[in-house]
Amino acid sequence: MFKSIKKNYEFLNVYHHGKSYANKYLVMYVLKNDTDLVRFGITVSKKVGNSVVRHRVTRLIRESIRLNEEKFARGYDIVVIARNTAKGKKYKDIESALMHLSKIHHINKEMS
């Protein structure tokens, strides 16, 4: 199981010091954390929809991370932000967007 980023200051640290890339459905911030862990934070704003919609998007992102966890390089804090275009998308769309961003950031072990 991956570790979670839970504290506001941890999210802010990744936002301010990390590097970001975006695609159609997601934005990903990545920052080296000098540990052997990969930590994920997921953010879905109220702009995406009501709580039911936001929780569904969060679950899709979390499941995509869980099933592809071994593909991510260790030693990074990663914050994934859902864009409002992610609303109503299928699991495969979200998973594809997540893996695309991991390749752009060069944190995908399969590509390194």
PDB file of N, CA and C in Angstrom:
ATOM      1  N   MET A   1       0.844  -1.190   0.000  1.00  0.00           N
ATOM      2  CA  MET A   1       0.000   0.000   0.000  1.00  0.00           C
ATOM      3  C   MET A   1       0.884   1.246   0.000  1.00  0.00           C
ATOM      4  N   PHE A   2       0.538   2.214  -0.806  1.00  0.00           N
ATOM      5  CA  PHE A   2       1.312   3.453  -0.868  1.00  0.00           C
ATOM      6  C   PHE A   2       0.980   4.338   0.327  1.00  0.00           C
ATOM      7  N   LYS A   3       1.914   5.210   0.659  1.00  0.00           N
ATOM      8  CA  LYS A   3       1.694   6.173   1.728  1.00  0.00           C
ATOM      9  C   LYS A   3       0.919   7.358   1.173  1.00  0.00           C
ATOM     10  N   SER A   4       0.153   8.013   2.046  1.00  0.00           N
ATOM     11  CA  SER A   4      -0.643   9.165   1.630  1.00  0.00           C
ATOM     12  C   SER A   4      -0.041  10.456   2.159  1.00  0.00           C
ATOM     13  N   ILE A   5      -0.221  11.503   1.390  1.00  0.00           N
ATOM     14  CA  ILE A   5       0.086  12.847   1.862  1.00  0.00           C
ATOM     15  C   ILE A   5      -1.227  13.363   2.438  1.00  0.00           C
ATOM     16  N   LYS A   6      -1.208  13.733   3.716  1.00  0.00           N
ATOM     17  CA  LYS A   6      -2.457  14.121   4.371  1.00  0.00           C
ATOM     18  C   LYS A   6      -2.457  15.559   4.882  1.00  0.00           C
ATOM     19  N   LYS A   7      -1.305  16.037   5.304  1.00  0.00           N
ATOM     20  CA  LYS A   7      -1.232  17.365   5.918  1.00  0.00           C
ATOM     21  C   LYS A   7      -1.171  18.470   4.865  1.00  0.00           C
ATOM     22  N   ASN A   8      -1.843  19.582   5.165  1.00  0.00           N
ATOM     23  CA  ASN A   8      -1.884  20.700   4.244  1.00  0.00           C
ATOM     24  C   ASN A   8      -0.482  21.201   3.897  1.00  0.00           C
ATOM     25  N   TYR A   9       0.413  21.290   4.902  1.00  0.00           N
ATOM     26  CA  TYR A   9       1.764  21.793   4.634  1.00  0.00           C
ATOM     27  C   TYR A   9       2.546  20.860   3.707  1.00  0.00           C
ATOM     28  N   GLU A  10       2.230  19.562   3.731  1.00  0.00           N
ATOM     29  CA  GLU A  10       2.894  18.627   2.818  1.00  0.00           C
ATOM     30  C   GLU A  10       2.435  18.876   1.382  1.00  0.00           C
ATOM     31  N   PHE A  11       1.124  19.098   1.204  1.00  0.00           N
ATOM     32  CA  PHE A  11       0.613  19.436  -0.123  1.00  0.00           C
ATOM     33  C   PHE A  11       1.244  20.737  -0.614  1.00  0.00           C
ATOM     34  N   LEU A  12       1.277  21.755   0.243  1.00  0.00           N
ATOM     35  CA  LEU A  12       1.824  23.051  -0.141  1.00  0.00           C
ATOM     36  C   LEU A  12       3.302  22.947  -0.517  1.00  0.00           C
ATOM     37  N   ASN A  13       4.052  22.120   0.205  1.00  0.00           N
ATOM     38  CA  ASN A  13       5.461  21.920  -0.104  1.00  0.00           C
ATOM     39  C   ASN A  13       5.630  21.363  -1.525  1.00  0.00           C
ATOM     40  N   VAL A  14       4.804  20.388  -1.882  1.00  0.00           N
ATOM     41  CA  VAL A  14       4.885  19.801  -3.233  1.00  0.00           C
ATOM     42  C   VAL A  14       4.472  20.826  -4.282  1.00  0.00           C
ATOM     43  N   TYR A  15       3.412  21.600  -3.994  1.00  0.00           N
ATOM     44  CA  TYR A  15       2.967  22.634  -4.944  1.00  0.00           C
ATOM     45  C   TYR A  15       4.062  23.677  -5.186  1.00  0.00           C
ATOM     46  N   HIS A  16       4.694  24.141  -4.106  1.00  0.00           N
ATOM     47  CA  HIS A  16       5.652  25.239  -4.228  1.00  0.00           C
ATOM     48  C   HIS A  16       7.012  24.817  -4.763  1.00  0.00           C
ATOM     49  N   HIS A  17       7.450  23.595  -4.443  1.00  0.00           N
ATOM     50  CA  HIS A  17       8.800  23.178  -4.804  1.00  0.00           C
ATOM     51  C   HIS A  17       8.843  22.101  -5.878  1.00  0.00           C
ATOM     52  N   GLY A  18       7.691  21.515  -6.186  1.00  0.00           N
ATOM     53  CA  GLY A  18       7.657  20.428  -7.164  1.00  0.00           C
ATOM     54  C   GLY A  18       7.493  20.916  -8.589  1.00  0.00           C
ATOM     55  N   LYS A  19       7.567  19.988  -9.504  1.00  0.00           N
ATOM     56  CA  LYS A  19       7.407  20.287 -10.931  1.00  0.00           C
ATOM     57  C   LYS A  19       6.050  19.735 -11.354  1.00  0.00           C
ATOM     58  N   SER A  20       5.354  20.465 -12.221  1.00  0.00           N
ATOM     59  CA  SER A  20       4.013  20.010 -12.606  1.00  0.00           C
ATOM     60  C   SER A  20       3.878  19.846 -14.114  1.00  0.00           C
ATOM     61  N   TYR A  21       3.099  18.849 -14.477  1.00  0.00           N
ATOM     62  CA  TYR A  21       2.674  18.637 -15.854  1.00  0.00           C
ATOM     63  C   TYR A  21       1.197  18.312 -15.818  1.00  0.00           C
ATOM     64  N   ALA A  22       0.517  18.583 -16.912  1.00  0.00           N
ATOM     65  CA  ALA A  22      -0.921  18.332 -16.961  1.00  0.00           C
ATOM     66  C   ALA A  22      -1.295  17.683 -18.280  1.00  0.00           C
ATOM     67  N   ASN A  23      -2.413  16.990 -18.270  1.00  0.00           N
ATOM     68  CA  ASN A  23      -3.017  16.510 -19.509  1.00  0.00           C
ATOM     69  C   ASN A  23      -4.513  16.808 -19.443  1.00  0.00           C
ATOM     70  N   LYS A  24      -5.287  16.154 -20.241  1.00  0.00           N
ATOM     71  CA  LYS A  24      -6.705  16.481 -20.364  1.00  0.00           C
ATOM     72  C   LYS A  24      -7.493  16.320 -19.061  1.00  0.00           C
ATOM     73  N   TYR A  25      -7.166  15.294 -18.269  1.00  0.00           N
ATOM     74  CA  TYR A  25      -7.966  14.977 -17.090  1.00  0.00           C
ATOM     75  C   TYR A  25      -7.295  15.271 -15.756  1.00  0.00           C
ATOM     76  N   LEU A  26      -5.955  15.271 -15.718  1.00  0.00           N
ATOM     77  CA  LEU A  26      -5.245  15.376 -14.447  1.00  0.00           C
ATOM     78  C   LEU A  26      -4.086  16.370 -14.513  1.00  0.00           C
ATOM     79  N   VAL A  27      -3.691  16.858 -13.338  1.00  0.00           N
ATOM     80  CA  VAL A  27      -2.459  17.635 -13.164  1.00  0.00           C
ATOM     81  C   VAL A  27      -1.643  16.856 -12.136  1.00  0.00           C
ATOM     82  N   MET A  28      -0.328  16.716 -12.382  1.00  0.00           N
ATOM     83  CA  MET A  28       0.511  15.970 -11.444  1.00  0.00           C
ATOM     84  C   MET A  28       1.711  16.823 -11.036  1.00  0.00           C
ATOM     85  N   TYR A  29       1.880  16.993  -9.715  1.00  0.00           N
ATOM     86  CA  TYR A  29       3.046  17.658  -9.153  1.00  0.00           C
ATOM     87  C   TYR A  29       3.951  16.581  -8.567  1.00  0.00           C
ATOM     88  N   VAL A  30       5.255  16.680  -8.818  1.00  0.00           N
ATOM     89  CA  VAL A  30       6.210  15.688  -8.326  1.00  0.00           C
ATOM     90  C   VAL A  30       7.375  16.403  -7.653  1.00  0.00           C
ATOM     91  N   LEU A  31       7.775  15.868  -6.487  1.00  0.00           N
ATOM     92  CA  LEU A  31       8.901  16.413  -5.736  1.00  0.00           C
ATOM     93  C   LEU A  31       9.669  15.268  -5.101  1.00  0.00           C
ATOM     94  N   LYS A  32      10.999  15.285  -5.231  1.00  0.00           N
ATOM     95  CA  LYS A  32      11.831  14.260  -4.557  1.00  0.00           C
ATOM     96  C   LYS A  32      11.668  14.414  -3.051  1.00  0.00           C
ATOM     97  N   ASN A  33      11.602  13.260  -2.329  1.00  0.00           N
ATOM     98  CA  ASN A  33      11.399  13.349  -0.877  1.00  0.00           C
ATOM     99  C   ASN A  33      12.532  12.735  -0.052  1.00  0.00           C
ATOM    100  N   ASP A  34      13.626  12.320  -0.689  1.00  0.00           N
ATOM    101  CA  ASP A  34      14.812  11.803   0.022  1.00  0.00           C
ATOM    102  C   ASP A  34      14.510  10.624   0.941  1.00  0.00           C
ATOM    103  N   THR A  35      13.505   9.821   0.587  1.00  0.00           N
ATOM    104  CA  THR A  35      13.233   8.578   1.313  1.00  0.00           C
ATOM    105  C   THR A  35      13.106   7.471   0.276  1.00  0.00           C
ATOM    106  N   ASP A  36      12.827   6.276   0.756  1.00  0.00           N
ATOM    107  CA  ASP A  36      12.618   5.156  -0.161  1.00  0.00           C
ATOM    108  C   ASP A  36      11.126   4.927  -0.396  1.00  0.00           C
ATOM    109  N   LEU A  37      10.311   5.925  -0.041  1.00  0.00           N
ATOM    110  CA  LEU A  37       8.859   5.809  -0.171  1.00  0.00           C
ATOM    111  C   LEU A  37       8.348   6.635  -1.339  1.00  0.00           C
ATOM    112  N   VAL A  38       7.220   6.208  -1.876  1.00  0.00           N
ATOM    113  CA  VAL A  38       6.494   7.057  -2.805  1.00  0.00           C
ATOM    114  C   VAL A  38       5.193   7.414  -2.084  1.00  0.00           C
ATOM    115  N   ARG A  39       4.935   8.722  -1.976  1.00  0.00           N
ATOM    116  CA  ARG A  39       3.733   9.177  -1.267  1.00  0.00           C
ATOM    117  C   ARG A  39       2.832   9.907  -2.253  1.00  0.00           C
ATOM    118  N   PHE A  40       1.541   9.620  -2.160  1.00  0.00           N
ATOM    119  CA  PHE A  40       0.566  10.221  -3.065  1.00  0.00           C
ATOM    120  C   PHE A  40      -0.421  11.078  -2.299  1.00  0.00           C
ATOM    121  N   GLY A  41      -0.820  12.176  -2.919  1.00  0.00           N
ATOM    122  CA  GLY A  41      -1.921  12.999  -2.433  1.00  0.00           C
ATOM    123  C   GLY A  41      -2.876  13.197  -3.594  1.00  0.00           C
ATOM    124  N   ILE A  42      -4.158  13.169  -3.322  1.00  0.00           N
ATOM    125  CA  ILE A  42      -5.166  13.328  -4.374  1.00  0.00           C
ATOM    126  C   ILE A  42      -6.052  14.505  -4.004  1.00  0.00           C
ATOM    127  N   THR A  43      -6.270  15.401  -4.958  1.00  0.00           N
ATOM    128  CA  THR A  43      -7.117  16.567  -4.738  1.00  0.00           C
ATOM    129  C   THR A  43      -8.176  16.633  -5.829  1.00  0.00           C
ATOM    130  N   VAL A  44      -9.426  16.781  -5.398  1.00  0.00           N
ATOM    131  CA  VAL A  44     -10.529  16.968  -6.346  1.00  0.00           C
ATOM    132  C   VAL A  44     -11.337  18.153  -5.842  1.00  0.00           C
ATOM    133  N   SER A  45     -11.320  19.236  -6.594  1.00  0.00           N
ATOM    134  CA  SER A  45     -11.952  20.481  -6.184  1.00  0.00           C
ATOM    135  C   SER A  45     -13.479  20.427  -6.350  1.00  0.00           C
ATOM    136  N   LYS A  46     -14.152  21.338  -5.680  1.00  0.00           N
ATOM    137  CA  LYS A  46     -15.609  21.422  -5.797  1.00  0.00           C
ATOM    138  C   LYS A  46     -16.052  21.803  -7.201  1.00  0.00           C
ATOM    139  N   LYS A  47     -15.144  22.357  -7.989  1.00  0.00           N
ATOM    140  CA  LYS A  47     -15.469  22.706  -9.373  1.00  0.00           C
ATOM    141  C   LYS A  47     -15.774  21.466 -10.203  1.00  0.00           C
ATOM    142  N   VAL A  48     -15.263  20.305  -9.765  1.00  0.00           N
ATOM    143  CA  VAL A  48     -15.461  19.063 -10.508  1.00  0.00           C
ATOM    144  C   VAL A  48     -16.906  18.589 -10.395  1.00  0.00           C
ATOM    145  N   GLY A  49     -17.529  18.805  -9.248  1.00  0.00           N
ATOM    146  CA  GLY A  49     -18.921  18.387  -9.097  1.00  0.00           C
ATOM    147  C   GLY A  49     -19.292  18.265  -7.632  1.00  0.00           C
ATOM    148  N   ASN A  50     -20.468  17.665  -7.385  1.00  0.00           N
ATOM    149  CA  ASN A  50     -20.909  17.484  -6.002  1.00  0.00           C
ATOM    150  C   ASN A  50     -20.092  16.378  -5.336  1.00  0.00           C
ATOM    151  N   SER A  51     -20.364  16.085  -4.074  1.00  0.00           N
ATOM    152  CA  SER A  51     -19.521  15.151  -3.326  1.00  0.00           C
ATOM    153  C   SER A  51     -19.528  13.751  -3.920  1.00  0.00           C
ATOM    154  N   VAL A  52     -20.647  13.319  -4.472  1.00  0.00           N
ATOM    155  CA  VAL A  52     -20.718  11.989  -5.084  1.00  0.00           C
ATOM    156  C   VAL A  52     -19.758  11.903  -6.274  1.00  0.00           C
ATOM    157  N   VAL A  53     -19.778  12.924  -7.110  1.00  0.00           N
ATOM    158  CA  VAL A  53     -18.907  12.969  -8.296  1.00  0.00           C
ATOM    159  C   VAL A  53     -17.446  13.044  -7.867  1.00  0.00           C
ATOM    160  N   ARG A  54     -17.142  13.910  -6.899  1.00  0.00           N
ATOM    161  CA  ARG A  54     -15.761  14.074  -6.436  1.00  0.00           C
ATOM    162  C   ARG A  54     -15.218  12.789  -5.830  1.00  0.00           C
ATOM    163  N   HIS A  55     -16.014  12.113  -5.038  1.00  0.00           N
ATOM    164  CA  HIS A  55     -15.557  10.866  -4.430  1.00  0.00           C
ATOM    165  C   HIS A  55     -15.347   9.782  -5.471  1.00  0.00           C
ATOM    166  N   ARG A  56     -16.186   9.748  -6.499  1.00  0.00           N
ATOM    167  CA  ARG A  56     -15.990   8.755  -7.562  1.00  0.00           C
ATOM    168  C   ARG A  56     -14.663   8.998  -8.277  1.00  0.00           C
ATOM    169  N   VAL A  57     -14.385  10.254  -8.612  1.00  0.00           N
ATOM    170  CA  VAL A  57     -13.126  10.587  -9.279  1.00  0.00           C
ATOM    171  C   VAL A  57     -11.942  10.229  -8.371  1.00  0.00           C
ATOM    172  N   THR A  58     -12.061  10.535  -7.076  1.00  0.00           N
ATOM    173  CA  THR A  58     -11.002  10.196  -6.120  1.00  0.00           C
ATOM    174  C   THR A  58     -10.770   8.697  -6.082  1.00  0.00           C
ATOM    175  N   ARG A  59     -11.839   7.914  -6.046  1.00  0.00           N
ATOM    176  CA  ARG A  59     -11.704   6.458  -6.009  1.00  0.00           C
ATOM    177  C   ARG A  59     -11.052   5.926  -7.282  1.00  0.00           C
ATOM    178  N   LEU A  60     -11.403   6.502  -8.431  1.00  0.00           N
ATOM    179  CA  LEU A  60     -10.794   6.070  -9.696  1.00  0.00           C
ATOM    180  C   LEU A  60      -9.292   6.348  -9.698  1.00  0.00           C
ATOM    181  N   ILE A  61      -8.898   7.520  -9.224  1.00  0.00           N
ATOM    182  CA  ILE A  61      -7.475   7.870  -9.173  1.00  0.00           C
ATOM    183  C   ILE A  61      -6.747   6.944  -8.198  1.00  0.00           C
ATOM    184  N   ARG A  62      -7.333   6.746  -7.010  1.00  0.00           N
ATOM    185  CA  ARG A  62      -6.709   5.890  -6.003  1.00  0.00           C
ATOM    186  C   ARG A  62      -6.536   4.459  -6.514  1.00  0.00           C
ATOM    187  N   GLU A  63      -7.547   3.950  -7.199  1.00  0.00           N
ATOM    188  CA  GLU A  63      -7.469   2.593  -7.746  1.00  0.00           C
ATOM    189  C   GLU A  63      -6.415   2.507  -8.847  1.00  0.00           C
ATOM    190  N   SER A  64      -6.320   3.530  -9.682  1.00  0.00           N
ATOM    191  CA  SER A  64      -5.289   3.567 -10.723  1.00  0.00           C
ATOM    192  C   SER A  64      -3.896   3.536 -10.109  1.00  0.00           C
ATOM    193  N   ILE A  65      -3.718   4.273  -9.026  1.00  0.00           N
ATOM    194  CA  ILE A  65      -2.429   4.282  -8.331  1.00  0.00           C
ATOM    195  C   ILE A  65      -2.154   2.909  -7.727  1.00  0.00           C
ATOM    196  N   ARG A  66      -3.149   2.347  -7.055  1.00  0.00           N
ATOM    197  CA  ARG A  66      -2.979   1.058  -6.377  1.00  0.00           C
ATOM    198  C   ARG A  66      -2.581  -0.050  -7.355  1.00  0.00           C
ATOM    199  N   LEU A  67      -3.239  -0.092  -8.504  1.00  0.00           N
ATOM    200  CA  LEU A  67      -2.973  -1.168  -9.455  1.00  0.00           C
ATOM    201  C   LEU A  67      -1.671  -0.968 -10.237  1.00  0.00           C
ATOM    202  N   ASN A  68      -1.151   0.252 -10.245  1.00  0.00           N
ATOM    203  CA  ASN A  68       0.087   0.547 -10.983  1.00  0.00           C
ATOM    204  C   ASN A  68       1.214   0.978 -10.057  1.00  0.00           C
ATOM    205  N   GLU A  69       1.043   0.730  -8.771  1.00  0.00           N
ATOM    206  CA  GLU A  69       1.989   1.223  -7.763  1.00  0.00           C
ATOM    207  C   GLU A  69       3.432   0.798  -8.033  1.00  0.00           C
ATOM    208  N   GLU A  70       3.629  -0.428  -8.464  1.00  0.00           N
ATOM    209  CA  GLU A  70       4.992  -0.939  -8.687  1.00  0.00           C
ATOM    210  C   GLU A  70       5.678  -0.263  -9.873  1.00  0.00           C
ATOM    211  N   LYS A  71       4.932   0.456 -10.697  1.00  0.00           N
ATOM    212  CA  LYS A  71       5.510   1.124 -11.866  1.00  0.00           C
ATOM    213  C   LYS A  71       6.100   2.488 -11.530  1.00  0.00           C
ATOM    214  N   PHE A  72       5.791   3.019 -10.330  1.00  0.00           N
ATOM    215  CA  PHE A  72       6.286   4.344  -9.952  1.00  0.00           C
ATOM    216  C   PHE A  72       7.643   4.229  -9.269  1.00  0.00           C
ATOM    217  N   ALA A  73       8.571   5.102  -9.647  1.00  0.00           N
ATOM    218  CA  ALA A  73       9.895   5.136  -9.021  1.00  0.00           C
ATOM    219  C   ALA A  73       9.746   5.574  -7.564  1.00  0.00           C
ATOM    220  N   ARG A  74      10.611   5.063  -6.705  1.00  0.00           N
ATOM    221  CA  ARG A  74      10.582   5.383  -5.270  1.00  0.00           C
ATOM    222  C   ARG A  74      11.269   6.722  -5.010  1.00  0.00           C
ATOM    223  N   GLY A  75      10.925   7.321  -3.877  1.00  0.00           N
ATOM    224  CA  GLY A  75      11.606   8.543  -3.460  1.00  0.00           C
ATOM    225  C   GLY A  75      10.941   9.827  -3.932  1.00  0.00           C
ATOM    226  N   TYR A  76       9.623   9.788  -4.155  1.00  0.00           N
ATOM    227  CA  TYR A  76       8.918  10.974  -4.636  1.00  0.00           C
ATOM    228  C   TYR A  76       7.643  11.221  -3.847  1.00  0.00           C
ATOM    229  N   ASP A  77       7.298  12.498  -3.702  1.00  0.00           N
ATOM    230  CA  ASP A  77       5.970  12.904  -3.251  1.00  0.00           C
ATOM    231  C   ASP A  77       5.220  13.313  -4.509  1.00  0.00           C
ATOM    232  N   ILE A  78       4.036  12.757  -4.701  1.00  0.00           N
ATOM    233  CA  ILE A  78       3.267  13.002  -5.915  1.00  0.00           C
ATOM    234  C   ILE A  78       1.870  13.480  -5.527  1.00  0.00           C
ATOM    235  N   VAL A  79       1.462  14.630  -6.046  1.00  0.00           N
ATOM    236  CA  VAL A  79       0.109  15.130  -5.824  1.00  0.00           C
ATOM    237  C   VAL A  79      -0.611  15.114  -7.162  1.00  0.00           C
ATOM    238  N   VAL A  80      -1.769  14.446  -7.181  1.00  0.00           N
ATOM    239  CA  VAL A  80      -2.582  14.346  -8.395  1.00  0.00           C
ATOM    240  C   VAL A  80      -3.828  15.194  -8.186  1.00  0.00           C
ATOM    241  N   ILE A  81      -4.071  16.106  -9.116  1.00  0.00           N
ATOM    242  CA  ILE A  81      -5.232  16.983  -9.049  1.00  0.00           C
ATOM    243  C   ILE A  81      -6.143  16.650 -10.218  1.00  0.00           C
ATOM    244  N   ALA A  82      -7.415  16.409  -9.921  1.00  0.00           N
ATOM    245  CA  ALA A  82      -8.383  16.107 -10.980  1.00  0.00           C
ATOM    246  C   ALA A  82      -8.879  17.410 -11.586  1.00  0.00           C
ATOM    247  N   ARG A  83      -8.922  17.454 -12.903  1.00  0.00           N
ATOM    248  CA  ARG A  83      -9.530  18.588 -13.591  1.00  0.00           C
ATOM    249  C   ARG A  83     -11.021  18.292 -13.767  1.00  0.00           C
ATOM    250  N   ASN A  84     -11.815  19.325 -14.031  1.00  0.00           N
ATOM    251  CA  ASN A  84     -13.246  19.060 -14.136  1.00  0.00           C
ATOM    252  C   ASN A  84     -13.618  18.250 -15.378  1.00  0.00           C
ATOM    253  N   THR A  85     -12.690  18.074 -16.312  1.00  0.00           N
ATOM    254  CA  THR A  85     -12.949  17.192 -17.456  1.00  0.00           C
ATOM    255  C   THR A  85     -12.929  15.721 -17.038  1.00  0.00           C
ATOM    256  N   ALA A  86     -12.399  15.416 -15.838  1.00  0.00           N
ATOM    257  CA  ALA A  86     -12.350  14.029 -15.345  1.00  0.00           C
ATOM    258  C   ALA A  86     -13.726  13.545 -14.902  1.00  0.00           C
ATOM    259  N   LYS A  87     -14.656  14.481 -14.736  1.00  0.00           N
ATOM    260  CA  LYS A  87     -16.002  14.133 -14.286  1.00  0.00           C
ATOM    261  C   LYS A  87     -16.675  13.185 -15.283  1.00  0.00           C
ATOM    262  N   GLY A  88     -17.183  12.077 -14.775  1.00  0.00           N
ATOM    263  CA  GLY A  88     -17.922  11.136 -15.617  1.00  0.00           C
ATOM    264  C   GLY A  88     -17.067  10.235 -16.495  1.00  0.00           C
ATOM    265  N   LYS A  89     -15.748  10.279 -16.334  1.00  0.00           N
ATOM    266  CA  LYS A  89     -14.870   9.443 -17.164  1.00  0.00           C
ATOM    267  C   LYS A  89     -14.786   8.030 -16.598  1.00  0.00           C
ATOM    268  N   LYS A  90     -14.427   7.104 -17.456  1.00  0.00           N
ATOM    269  CA  LYS A  90     -14.280   5.700 -17.076  1.00  0.00           C
ATOM    270  C   LYS A  90     -12.897   5.487 -16.445  1.00  0.00           C
ATOM    271  N   TYR A  91     -12.760   4.350 -15.757  1.00  0.00           N
ATOM    272  CA  TYR A  91     -11.505   4.011 -15.092  1.00  0.00           C
ATOM    273  C   TYR A  91     -10.329   4.042 -16.062  1.00  0.00           C
ATOM    274  N   LYS A  92     -10.496   3.448 -17.246  1.00  0.00           N
ATOM    275  CA  LYS A  92      -9.395   3.360 -18.229  1.00  0.00           C
ATOM    276  C   LYS A  92      -8.899   4.747 -18.630  1.00  0.00           C
ATOM    277  N   ASP A  93      -9.810   5.713 -18.753  1.00  0.00           N
ATOM    278  CA  ASP A  93      -9.409   7.078 -19.121  1.00  0.00           C
ATOM    279  C   ASP A  93      -8.526   7.700 -18.039  1.00  0.00           C
ATOM    280  N   ILE A  94      -8.930   7.523 -16.785  1.00  0.00           N
ATOM    281  CA  ILE A  94      -8.176   8.096 -15.662  1.00  0.00           C
ATOM    282  C   ILE A  94      -6.826   7.390 -15.523  1.00  0.00           C
ATOM    283  N   GLU A  95      -6.835   6.065 -15.624  1.00  0.00           N
ATOM    284  CA  GLU A  95      -5.586   5.299 -15.519  1.00  0.00           C
ATOM    285  C   GLU A  95      -4.610   5.710 -16.625  1.00  0.00           C
ATOM    286  N   SER A  96      -5.121   5.837 -17.818  1.00  0.00           N
ATOM    287  CA  SER A  96      -4.288   6.227 -18.957  1.00  0.00           C
ATOM    288  C   SER A  96      -3.682   7.618 -18.738  1.00  0.00           C
ATOM    289  N   ALA A  97      -4.487   8.556 -18.225  1.00  0.00           N
ATOM    290  CA  ALA A  97      -4.008   9.916 -17.957  1.00  0.00           C
ATOM    291  C   ALA A  97      -2.923   9.899 -16.877  1.00  0.00           C
ATOM    292  N   LEU A  98      -3.125   9.092 -15.832  1.00  0.00           N
ATOM    293  CA  LEU A  98      -2.153   8.992 -14.745  1.00  0.00           C
ATOM    294  C   LEU A  98      -0.821   8.434 -15.250  1.00  0.00           C
ATOM    295  N   MET A  99      -0.870   7.367 -16.027  1.00  0.00           N
ATOM    296  CA  MET A  99       0.355   6.749 -16.526  1.00  0.00           C
ATOM    297  C   MET A  99       1.057   7.660 -17.541  1.00  0.00           C
ATOM    298  N   HIS A 100       0.280   8.387 -18.322  1.00  0.00           N
ATOM    299  CA  HIS A 100       0.851   9.349 -19.264  1.00  0.00           C
ATOM    300  C   HIS A 100       1.670  10.401 -18.516  1.00  0.00           C
ATOM    301  N   LEU A 101       1.109  10.937 -17.427  1.00  0.00           N
ATOM    302  CA  LEU A 101       1.824  11.954 -16.650  1.00  0.00           C
ATOM    303  C   LEU A 101       3.055  11.370 -15.966  1.00  0.00           C
ATOM    304  N   SER A 102       2.982  10.114 -15.524  1.00  0.00           N
ATOM    305  CA  SER A 102       4.161   9.507 -14.884  1.00  0.00           C
ATOM    306  C   SER A 102       5.294   9.352 -15.895  1.00  0.00           C
ATOM    307  N   LYS A 103       4.962   9.102 -17.146  1.00  0.00           N
ATOM    308  CA  LYS A 103       5.994   8.995 -18.183  1.00  0.00           C
ATOM    309  C   LYS A 103       6.606  10.359 -18.497  1.00  0.00           C
ATOM    310  N   ILE A 104       5.790  11.393 -18.537  1.00  0.00           N
ATOM    311  CA  ILE A 104       6.291  12.750 -18.792  1.00  0.00           C
ATOM    312  C   ILE A 104       7.254  13.180 -17.675  1.00  0.00           C
ATOM    313  N   HIS A 105       6.917  12.838 -16.418  1.00  0.00           N
ATOM    314  CA  HIS A 105       7.746  13.198 -15.267  1.00  0.00           C
ATOM    315  C   HIS A 105       8.966  12.285 -15.113  1.00  0.00           C
ATOM    316  N   HIS A 106       9.053  11.235 -15.923  1.00  0.00           N
ATOM    317  CA  HIS A 106      10.145  10.251 -15.846  1.00  0.00           C
ATOM    318  C   HIS A 106      10.188   9.561 -14.484  1.00  0.00           C
ATOM    319  N   ILE A 107       9.010   9.273 -13.927  1.00  0.00           N
ATOM    320  CA  ILE A 107       8.950   8.536 -12.669  1.00  0.00           C
ATOM    321  C   ILE A 107       8.322   7.156 -12.910  1.00  0.00           C
ATOM    322  N   ASN A 108       8.219   6.776 -14.159  1.00  0.00           N
ATOM    323  CA  ASN A 108       7.658   5.480 -14.518  1.00  0.00           C
ATOM    324  C   ASN A 108       8.829   4.508 -14.710  1.00  0.00           C
ATOM    325  N   LYS A 109       8.905   3.486 -13.870  1.00  0.00           N
ATOM    326  CA  LYS A 109      10.043   2.552 -13.920  1.00  0.00           C
ATOM    327  C   LYS A 109      10.165   1.854 -15.278  1.00  0.00           C
ATOM    328  N   GLU A 110       9.030   1.609 -15.937  1.00  0.00           N
ATOM    329  CA  GLU A 110       9.060   0.905 -17.222  1.00  0.00           C
ATOM    330  C   GLU A 110       9.750   1.720 -18.312  1.00  0.00           C
ATOM    331  N   MET A 111       9.697   3.047 -18.166  1.00  0.00           N
ATOM    332  CA  MET A 111      10.254   3.941 -19.192  1.00  0.00           C
ATOM    333  C   MET A 111      11.700   4.312 -18.891  1.00  0.00           C
ATOM    334  N   SER A 112      12.122   4.225 -17.621  1.00  0.00           N
ATOM    335  CA  SER A 112      13.475   4.680 -17.234  1.00  0.00           C
ATOM    336  C   SER A 112      14.549   3.749 -17.738  1.00  0.00           C
TER     337      SER A 112
END
